[in-house]
Each structure stands twice: as C-alpha cells, then as structure tokens.
C-alpha cells in the first residue's frame, strides 16, 4: 500500500465499524444523472473539442450507445472517448462524408499507462512532457465537461428508495461511494441532497479505479460474503468480482424498481446470508440482458 495516492488514504484507513460492507455507485445508480450528464454535458463538448460537427448526429449516437445503452455503460471517460472514435471510424455514413476522426495515440498511451485516469493525472503527465498538443486538447475537453456538469447538473435528487436504503444500510454495514466521477462533483451532489452523512468515504476517479476503491476499503477487512457492490454498469460488476464481493444491479431504465426491491427484499437477504447463489445469478442475468454489445446501427 506504499504507493497509494494521498487522496486515497481515507479508503485504506477505513476501519470497520460493522461486519458488513457496501459500495455504492453514484451516477445512474444512486442519482438519475447519467442521461443529463452525457446528453447535455459530455456529448456537446465532445463534438466541439474534437471537431465532429460534420458528423454530429453519428457522434451523438455513438456516445449515447457507449456511455448509456451498452455493456460499456459507466466506463471511465477516456476509454469511452476512444470507443466513440472507433465506432465513428468504422461507420459507413461517416466514411462517406470523409470526416476526419481524431487519431489519439498519446491519449491511448495515457489510458494504458496505469496512471489514474483523471484530469490531475493527465495534467501532471503534460507537465512532465513539457506540453503535448494532443494531451492538452484532451485535458481541455475534460475540463470543459466538468465545467458544464458543474453549471448544468443540480437539483437532481436520488432515485426513490435510495435515501431509505442508505439509512437502512448504515445501521448494520459500512458504506462508501465507489465512482468513476471526479471527486469534486461527487461531493457536491451528495452534499446537495444531504446524504453524504450515510457513507464513510466518497471515492471518485481521483482515488483510482472502482476495483482499487473496493480493494483499498474492504480488502482483508470483511468476509467475502459480507461485501456487496451496488451498481448500474458492467464495470461495477467487474469491480465486485475482482474483490470477491457480491453484486446488486440497478437496472438501467428500471432504477426505481431496482431500489425498491433492494430496500424491501435484497438487502435483508444479504445480511441473512441468502443473497449469493441463485438469487444473485438471476438478478445479474436480468441486468446483463439489458445492456447489448452491438450498436443498433449494426443489428
């Protein structure tokens, strides 16, 4: 743990107060913010900063598919951007327009470097290289996204049954926020709705990946059957499995029903020890069926 960033220390230093642990994703899971953030904040800035005006319709379709309606839902913004570019390059409508889709080898190298995929990490890399236009363009895009989110996204409450569930969880389990959203935005949203007091730590992309969040907060501190991740994206499931934790899916498009089921049924099963096995498998199968890997224009 010697190389843990100082900002992530609260995760490492989390001391169990209960025998159970729950990690909770934020965007699209606790809050109905995925649609507004991507459709009103990410996508307009993507079209603007990456000169996709000539194929804006297709850029929007690709970005919505990757970030909202596919198995990549919830992926970090940098890999998601690369996927959008790839989908655009191979689309015949885009090719016929002779649109230039950005080639971004420096950003791909950043993604594969093992560095935290955050603005601060990218800015540090740019400083080390004494400037790099492609990376500077990427940072400008990402900072513009954050500024638009800060300006646009407010007054969006948690889904019904989230507050009740957080209060219920806090009675018998240690809870943290596990998110790929920048920490500043997370803290602002959780404080705005006065629910930050139900969690011990709010962890964003600045503290590492979701898998790392769970490892630092729960690794070696709780029995595997006593660890649960709540999420709305396959990446949340992967982070749970990487840490031998159970997973509760909040199904995209059916978030309210998912939280009601969690509050009235699933959490009790988790505490009683009857959640894992067939019950969890049924929920995950239902979840995975809702998120395709093939975009609609290829079907």
Protein backbone atom coordinates (compact mmCIF):
# COMPACT_ATOMS: atom_id res chain seq x y z
CA UNK A 1 0.00 0.00 0.00
CA UNK A 2 3.09 2.25 -0.03
CA UNK A 3 2.22 3.72 -3.46
CA UNK A 4 -1.32 4.72 -2.54
CA UNK A 5 -2.01 8.36 -3.52
CA UNK A 6 -2.52 10.60 -0.50
CA UNK A 7 -6.05 11.44 -1.67
CA UNK A 8 -6.97 7.74 -1.39
CA UNK A 9 -5.80 7.37 2.20
CA UNK A 10 -9.35 7.51 3.62
CA UNK A 11 -10.08 4.25 1.79
CA UNK A 12 -7.02 2.48 3.12
CA UNK A 13 -7.62 3.81 6.62
CA UNK A 14 -11.31 2.88 6.72
CA UNK A 15 -11.73 0.96 9.97
CA UNK A 16 -14.71 -1.44 10.05
CA UNK A 17 -17.47 -0.48 12.45
CA UNK A 18 -19.72 -3.30 11.26
CA UNK A 19 -19.25 -6.81 9.92
CA UNK A 20 -20.75 -5.86 6.55
CA UNK A 21 -19.53 -3.57 3.76
CA UNK A 22 -21.46 -1.93 0.90
CA UNK A 23 -20.02 0.03 -2.02
CA UNK A 24 -22.46 2.23 -3.95
CA UNK A 25 -22.01 3.75 -7.39
CA UNK A 26 -23.35 7.27 -7.86
CA UNK A 27 -24.17 8.43 -11.42
CA UNK A 28 -27.06 6.45 -12.88
CA UNK A 29 -27.22 4.29 -9.78
CA UNK A 30 -27.94 6.46 -6.75
CA UNK A 31 -28.73 9.53 -8.87
CA UNK A 32 -30.62 9.88 -12.15
CA UNK A 33 -27.75 11.94 -13.58
CA UNK A 34 -26.36 9.75 -16.36
CA UNK A 35 -28.72 11.00 -19.07
CA UNK A 36 -28.30 14.71 -18.38
CA UNK A 37 -24.53 14.49 -17.91
CA UNK A 38 -23.90 12.65 -21.14
CA UNK A 39 -26.55 14.18 -23.37
CA UNK A 40 -26.16 17.78 -22.21
CA UNK A 41 -22.55 17.95 -20.96
CA UNK A 42 -20.28 15.25 -22.42
CA UNK A 43 -21.64 14.98 -25.96
CA UNK A 44 -21.81 18.70 -26.87
CA UNK A 45 -18.24 19.17 -25.64
CA UNK A 46 -17.07 16.07 -27.47
CA UNK A 47 -18.47 17.41 -30.74
CA UNK A 48 -16.98 20.85 -30.09
CA UNK A 49 -13.48 19.93 -28.87
CA UNK A 50 -12.89 17.04 -31.27
CA UNK A 51 -14.26 18.80 -34.38
CA UNK A 52 -17.06 16.32 -35.02
CA UNK A 53 -19.58 18.89 -36.23
CA UNK A 54 -19.81 17.32 -39.69
CA UNK A 55 -20.92 14.01 -38.19
CA UNK A 56 -22.57 15.30 -35.02
CA UNK A 57 -25.61 13.04 -35.44
CA UNK A 58 -23.46 9.92 -35.57
CA UNK A 59 -21.14 11.16 -32.82
CA UNK A 60 -24.17 11.59 -30.57
CA UNK A 61 -25.47 8.11 -31.40
CA UNK A 62 -22.07 6.53 -30.75
CA UNK A 63 -21.53 8.38 -27.48
CA UNK A 64 -25.01 7.54 -26.20
CA UNK A 65 -24.56 3.89 -27.07
CA UNK A 66 -21.16 3.58 -25.38
CA UNK A 67 -21.95 5.58 -22.25
CA UNK A 68 -25.64 4.84 -21.66
CA UNK A 69 -27.07 1.91 -23.60
CA UNK A 70 -24.36 -0.74 -23.87
CA UNK A 71 -22.25 -3.07 -21.77
CA UNK A 72 -19.68 -0.25 -21.56
CA UNK A 73 -22.11 1.95 -19.64
CA UNK A 74 -20.30 3.70 -16.82
CA UNK A 75 -16.79 3.21 -18.20
CA UNK A 76 -14.23 5.94 -17.45
CA UNK A 77 -14.49 8.93 -19.82
CA UNK A 78 -11.13 8.35 -21.51
CA UNK A 79 -11.63 4.75 -22.70
CA UNK A 80 -15.21 5.73 -23.58
CA UNK A 81 -13.94 8.53 -25.82
CA UNK A 82 -11.63 6.10 -27.62
CA UNK A 83 -14.57 3.72 -28.19
CA UNK A 84 -16.66 6.54 -29.65
CA UNK A 85 -13.88 7.40 -32.09
CA UNK A 86 -13.56 3.74 -33.12
CA UNK A 87 -17.28 3.38 -33.75
CA UNK A 88 -17.25 6.53 -35.87
CA UNK A 89 -14.24 5.43 -37.93
CA UNK A 90 -15.91 2.18 -38.96
CA UNK A 91 -19.35 3.61 -39.69
CA UNK A 92 -20.11 3.87 -43.41
CA UNK A 93 -22.13 7.07 -43.10
CA UNK A 94 -19.13 8.78 -41.51
CA UNK A 95 -16.74 7.43 -44.12
CA UNK A 96 -18.92 8.73 -46.97
CA UNK A 97 -18.68 12.20 -45.50
CA UNK A 98 -14.88 11.96 -45.45
CA UNK A 99 -14.93 13.14 -41.86
CA UNK A 100 -11.62 13.19 -40.03
CA UNK A 101 -11.95 11.26 -36.78
CA UNK A 102 -9.15 12.14 -34.35
CA UNK A 103 -6.26 9.71 -34.05
CA UNK A 104 -5.11 9.90 -30.45
CA UNK A 105 -2.09 7.64 -29.78
CA UNK A 106 -0.86 9.80 -26.91
CA UNK A 107 -4.20 9.59 -25.13
CA UNK A 108 -4.32 5.83 -25.70
CA UNK A 109 -0.84 5.58 -24.16
CA UNK A 110 -2.08 7.60 -21.17
CA UNK A 111 -5.03 5.23 -20.75
CA UNK A 112 -2.72 2.21 -20.86
CA UNK A 113 -0.05 3.73 -18.61
CA UNK A 114 -1.55 2.62 -15.31
CA UNK A 115 -1.85 6.21 -14.15
CA UNK A 116 -5.13 7.31 -12.55
CA UNK A 117 -7.46 8.32 -15.38
CA UNK A 118 -8.19 11.78 -14.01
CA UNK A 119 -7.61 15.37 -15.08
CA UNK A 120 -4.99 15.83 -12.39
CA UNK A 121 -3.05 12.80 -13.59
CA UNK A 122 -3.21 13.95 -17.21
CA UNK A 123 -2.11 17.46 -16.26
CA UNK A 124 0.88 16.00 -14.42
CA UNK A 125 1.83 13.97 -17.50
CA UNK A 126 1.60 17.07 -19.70
CA UNK A 127 3.90 18.91 -17.29
CA UNK A 128 6.40 16.03 -17.39
CA UNK A 129 6.42 16.16 -21.20
CA UNK A 130 6.69 19.97 -21.21
CA UNK A 131 3.50 20.14 -23.19
CA UNK A 132 1.87 17.87 -25.75
CA UNK A 133 -0.89 19.27 -28.04
CA UNK A 134 -2.95 16.10 -28.20
CA UNK A 135 -2.95 15.65 -24.45
CA UNK A 136 -3.62 19.35 -23.91
CA UNK A 137 -6.63 19.10 -26.20
CA UNK A 138 -7.87 16.11 -24.23
CA UNK A 139 -7.46 17.93 -20.94
CA UNK A 140 -9.28 21.00 -22.30
CA UNK A 141 -12.18 18.74 -23.36
CA UNK A 142 -12.35 17.01 -19.99
CA UNK A 143 -12.18 20.26 -18.05
CA UNK A 144 -14.93 21.72 -20.23
CA UNK A 145 -17.08 18.66 -19.48
CA UNK A 146 -16.56 19.17 -15.76
CA UNK A 147 -17.39 22.87 -16.00
CA UNK A 148 -20.58 22.12 -17.93
CA UNK A 149 -21.58 19.48 -15.39
CA UNK A 150 -21.00 21.93 -12.54
CA UNK A 151 -23.12 24.54 -14.33
CA UNK A 152 -25.87 22.24 -15.61
CA UNK A 153 -26.35 19.35 -13.19
CA UNK A 154 -28.07 20.33 -9.98
CA UNK A 155 -31.41 19.71 -8.38
CA UNK A 156 -31.39 16.04 -9.48
CA UNK A 157 -32.41 14.04 -6.40
CA UNK A 158 -31.52 10.43 -5.63
CA UNK A 159 -33.82 7.77 -7.04
CA UNK A 160 -36.79 6.82 -4.84
CA UNK A 161 -35.82 4.34 -2.09
CA UNK A 162 -32.14 5.41 -2.19
CA UNK A 163 -32.32 7.56 0.94
CA UNK A 164 -34.31 4.90 2.78
CA UNK A 165 -31.81 2.27 1.66
CA UNK A 166 -28.81 4.33 2.77
CA UNK A 167 -30.35 4.78 6.21
CA UNK A 168 -31.07 1.05 6.41
CA UNK A 169 -27.55 0.12 5.26
CA UNK A 170 -25.89 2.44 7.77
CA UNK A 171 -27.47 0.58 10.68
CA UNK A 172 -25.61 -2.66 10.01
CA UNK A 173 -22.90 -2.02 7.38
CA UNK A 174 -20.07 0.32 6.50
CA UNK A 175 -20.87 2.11 3.24
CA UNK A 176 -18.78 4.09 0.77
CA UNK A 177 -19.37 5.73 -2.62
CA UNK A 178 -17.49 3.92 -5.41
CA UNK A 179 -17.47 6.02 -8.58
CA UNK A 180 -15.54 6.98 -11.73
CA UNK A 181 -16.87 10.54 -11.42
CA UNK A 182 -14.45 13.30 -10.33
CA UNK A 183 -14.45 13.66 -6.54
CA UNK A 184 -15.47 17.33 -6.56
CA UNK A 185 -18.67 16.59 -8.46
CA UNK A 186 -19.50 13.61 -6.24
CA UNK A 187 -19.08 15.55 -3.02
CA UNK A 188 -21.17 18.40 -4.39
CA UNK A 189 -24.03 16.08 -5.38
CA UNK A 190 -24.06 14.02 -2.19
CA UNK A 191 -23.88 17.13 -0.02
CA UNK A 192 -26.54 18.94 -2.05
CA UNK A 193 -29.05 16.27 -1.08
CA UNK A 194 -27.70 15.80 2.47
CA UNK A 195 -26.93 12.11 2.05
CA UNK A 196 -23.15 12.26 2.43
CA UNK A 197 -23.53 11.50 6.13
CA UNK A 198 -24.70 7.95 5.36
CA UNK A 199 -21.33 6.96 3.84
CA UNK A 200 -17.89 6.73 5.42
CA UNK A 201 -15.93 7.71 2.29
CA UNK A 202 -16.79 9.26 -1.07
CA UNK A 203 -14.37 7.83 -3.64
CA UNK A 204 -14.07 9.24 -7.16
CA UNK A 205 -11.79 8.75 -10.15
CA UNK A 206 -9.10 10.81 -8.40
CA UNK A 207 -8.62 7.93 -5.94
CA UNK A 208 -8.19 5.23 -8.61
CA UNK A 209 -10.48 2.74 -10.30
CA UNK A 210 -13.58 1.20 -8.76
CA UNK A 211 -11.71 -2.08 -8.37
CA UNK A 212 -9.00 -0.24 -6.45
CA UNK A 213 -11.57 1.59 -4.31
CA UNK A 214 -13.06 -1.71 -3.17
CA UNK A 215 -9.68 -3.33 -2.62
CA UNK A 216 -8.38 -0.44 -0.51
CA UNK A 217 -11.57 -0.02 1.51
CA UNK A 218 -12.62 -3.63 2.04
CA UNK A 219 -9.71 -5.94 1.20
CA UNK A 220 -8.83 -8.14 4.18
CA UNK A 221 -11.31 -6.30 6.40
CA UNK A 222 -14.57 -8.18 5.73
CA UNK A 223 -15.58 -11.71 4.84
CA UNK A 224 -16.26 -12.10 1.11
CA UNK A 225 -19.93 -12.94 1.70
CA UNK A 226 -20.22 -9.73 3.73
CA UNK A 227 -19.12 -7.43 0.86
CA UNK A 228 -21.66 -6.02 -1.61
CA UNK A 229 -21.31 -3.62 -4.55
CA UNK A 230 -24.39 -1.80 -5.85
CA UNK A 231 -24.07 -0.56 -9.43
CA UNK A 232 -25.74 0.09 -12.75
CA UNK A 233 -22.92 -0.83 -15.12
CA UNK A 234 -20.90 -3.94 -16.05
CA UNK A 235 -17.79 -2.21 -14.72
CA UNK A 236 -19.38 -2.25 -11.29
CA UNK A 237 -19.95 -5.99 -11.59
CA UNK A 238 -16.34 -6.48 -12.68
CA UNK A 239 -15.06 -4.44 -9.74
CA UNK A 240 -17.15 -6.54 -7.36
CA UNK A 241 -15.94 -9.82 -8.80
CA UNK A 242 -12.30 -8.68 -8.74
CA UNK A 243 -12.72 -8.22 -5.00
CA UNK A 244 -14.75 -11.39 -4.36
CA UNK A 245 -17.74 -9.25 -3.47
CA UNK A 246 -21.41 -9.83 -4.20
CA UNK A 247 -23.17 -7.56 -6.70
CA UNK A 248 -26.59 -5.95 -6.70
CA UNK A 249 -27.63 -4.49 -10.09
CA UNK A 250 -29.62 -1.32 -10.51
CA UNK A 251 -31.09 -1.97 -13.94
CA UNK A 252 -30.88 0.91 -16.44
CA UNK A 253 -34.40 2.08 -17.25
CA UNK A 254 -35.79 0.32 -14.18
CA UNK A 255 -33.85 2.07 -11.44
CA UNK A 256 -36.82 2.79 -9.19
CA UNK A 257 -37.98 -0.82 -9.25
CA UNK A 258 -34.43 -1.98 -8.54
CA UNK A 259 -34.06 0.23 -5.49
CA UNK A 260 -37.50 -0.75 -4.19
CA UNK A 261 -36.52 -4.43 -4.49
CA UNK A 262 -33.23 -3.73 -2.74
CA UNK A 263 -34.96 -1.92 0.12
CA UNK A 264 -37.78 -4.40 0.57
CA UNK A 265 -36.03 -7.68 -0.17
CA UNK A 266 -32.43 -7.93 -1.39
CA UNK A 267 -30.57 -6.19 1.44
CA UNK A 268 -32.22 -8.38 4.05
CA UNK A 269 -31.11 -11.44 2.08
CA UNK A 270 -27.55 -10.06 2.01
CA UNK A 271 -27.47 -9.62 5.78
CA UNK A 272 -29.11 -13.01 6.38
CA UNK A 273 -26.65 -14.80 4.07
CA UNK A 274 -29.13 -15.92 1.41
CA UNK A 275 -28.24 -13.38 -1.29
CA UNK A 276 -25.44 -15.21 -3.09
CA UNK A 277 -26.05 -18.11 -5.43
CA UNK A 278 -29.24 -18.49 -7.45
CA UNK A 279 -30.83 -15.24 -6.27
CA UNK A 280 -27.84 -13.09 -7.26
CA UNK A 281 -27.37 -15.01 -10.52
CA UNK A 282 -30.98 -14.34 -11.54
CA UNK A 283 -30.60 -10.61 -10.91
CA UNK A 284 -27.33 -10.42 -12.84
CA UNK A 285 -28.76 -12.32 -15.82
CA UNK A 286 -31.63 -9.84 -15.99
CA UNK A 287 -29.13 -6.96 -15.75
CA UNK A 288 -26.80 -8.23 -18.47
CA UNK A 289 -29.69 -8.85 -20.88
CA UNK A 290 -30.48 -5.13 -20.78
CA UNK A 291 -27.03 -3.99 -21.98
CA UNK A 292 -26.02 -5.09 -25.52
CA UNK A 293 -22.56 -5.12 -27.05
CA UNK A 294 -23.67 -4.46 -30.64
CA UNK A 295 -24.88 -0.93 -31.52
CA UNK A 296 -28.34 -0.62 -33.10
CA UNK A 297 -26.99 0.52 -36.46
CA UNK A 298 -25.15 -2.80 -36.82
CA UNK A 299 -28.08 -5.04 -35.95
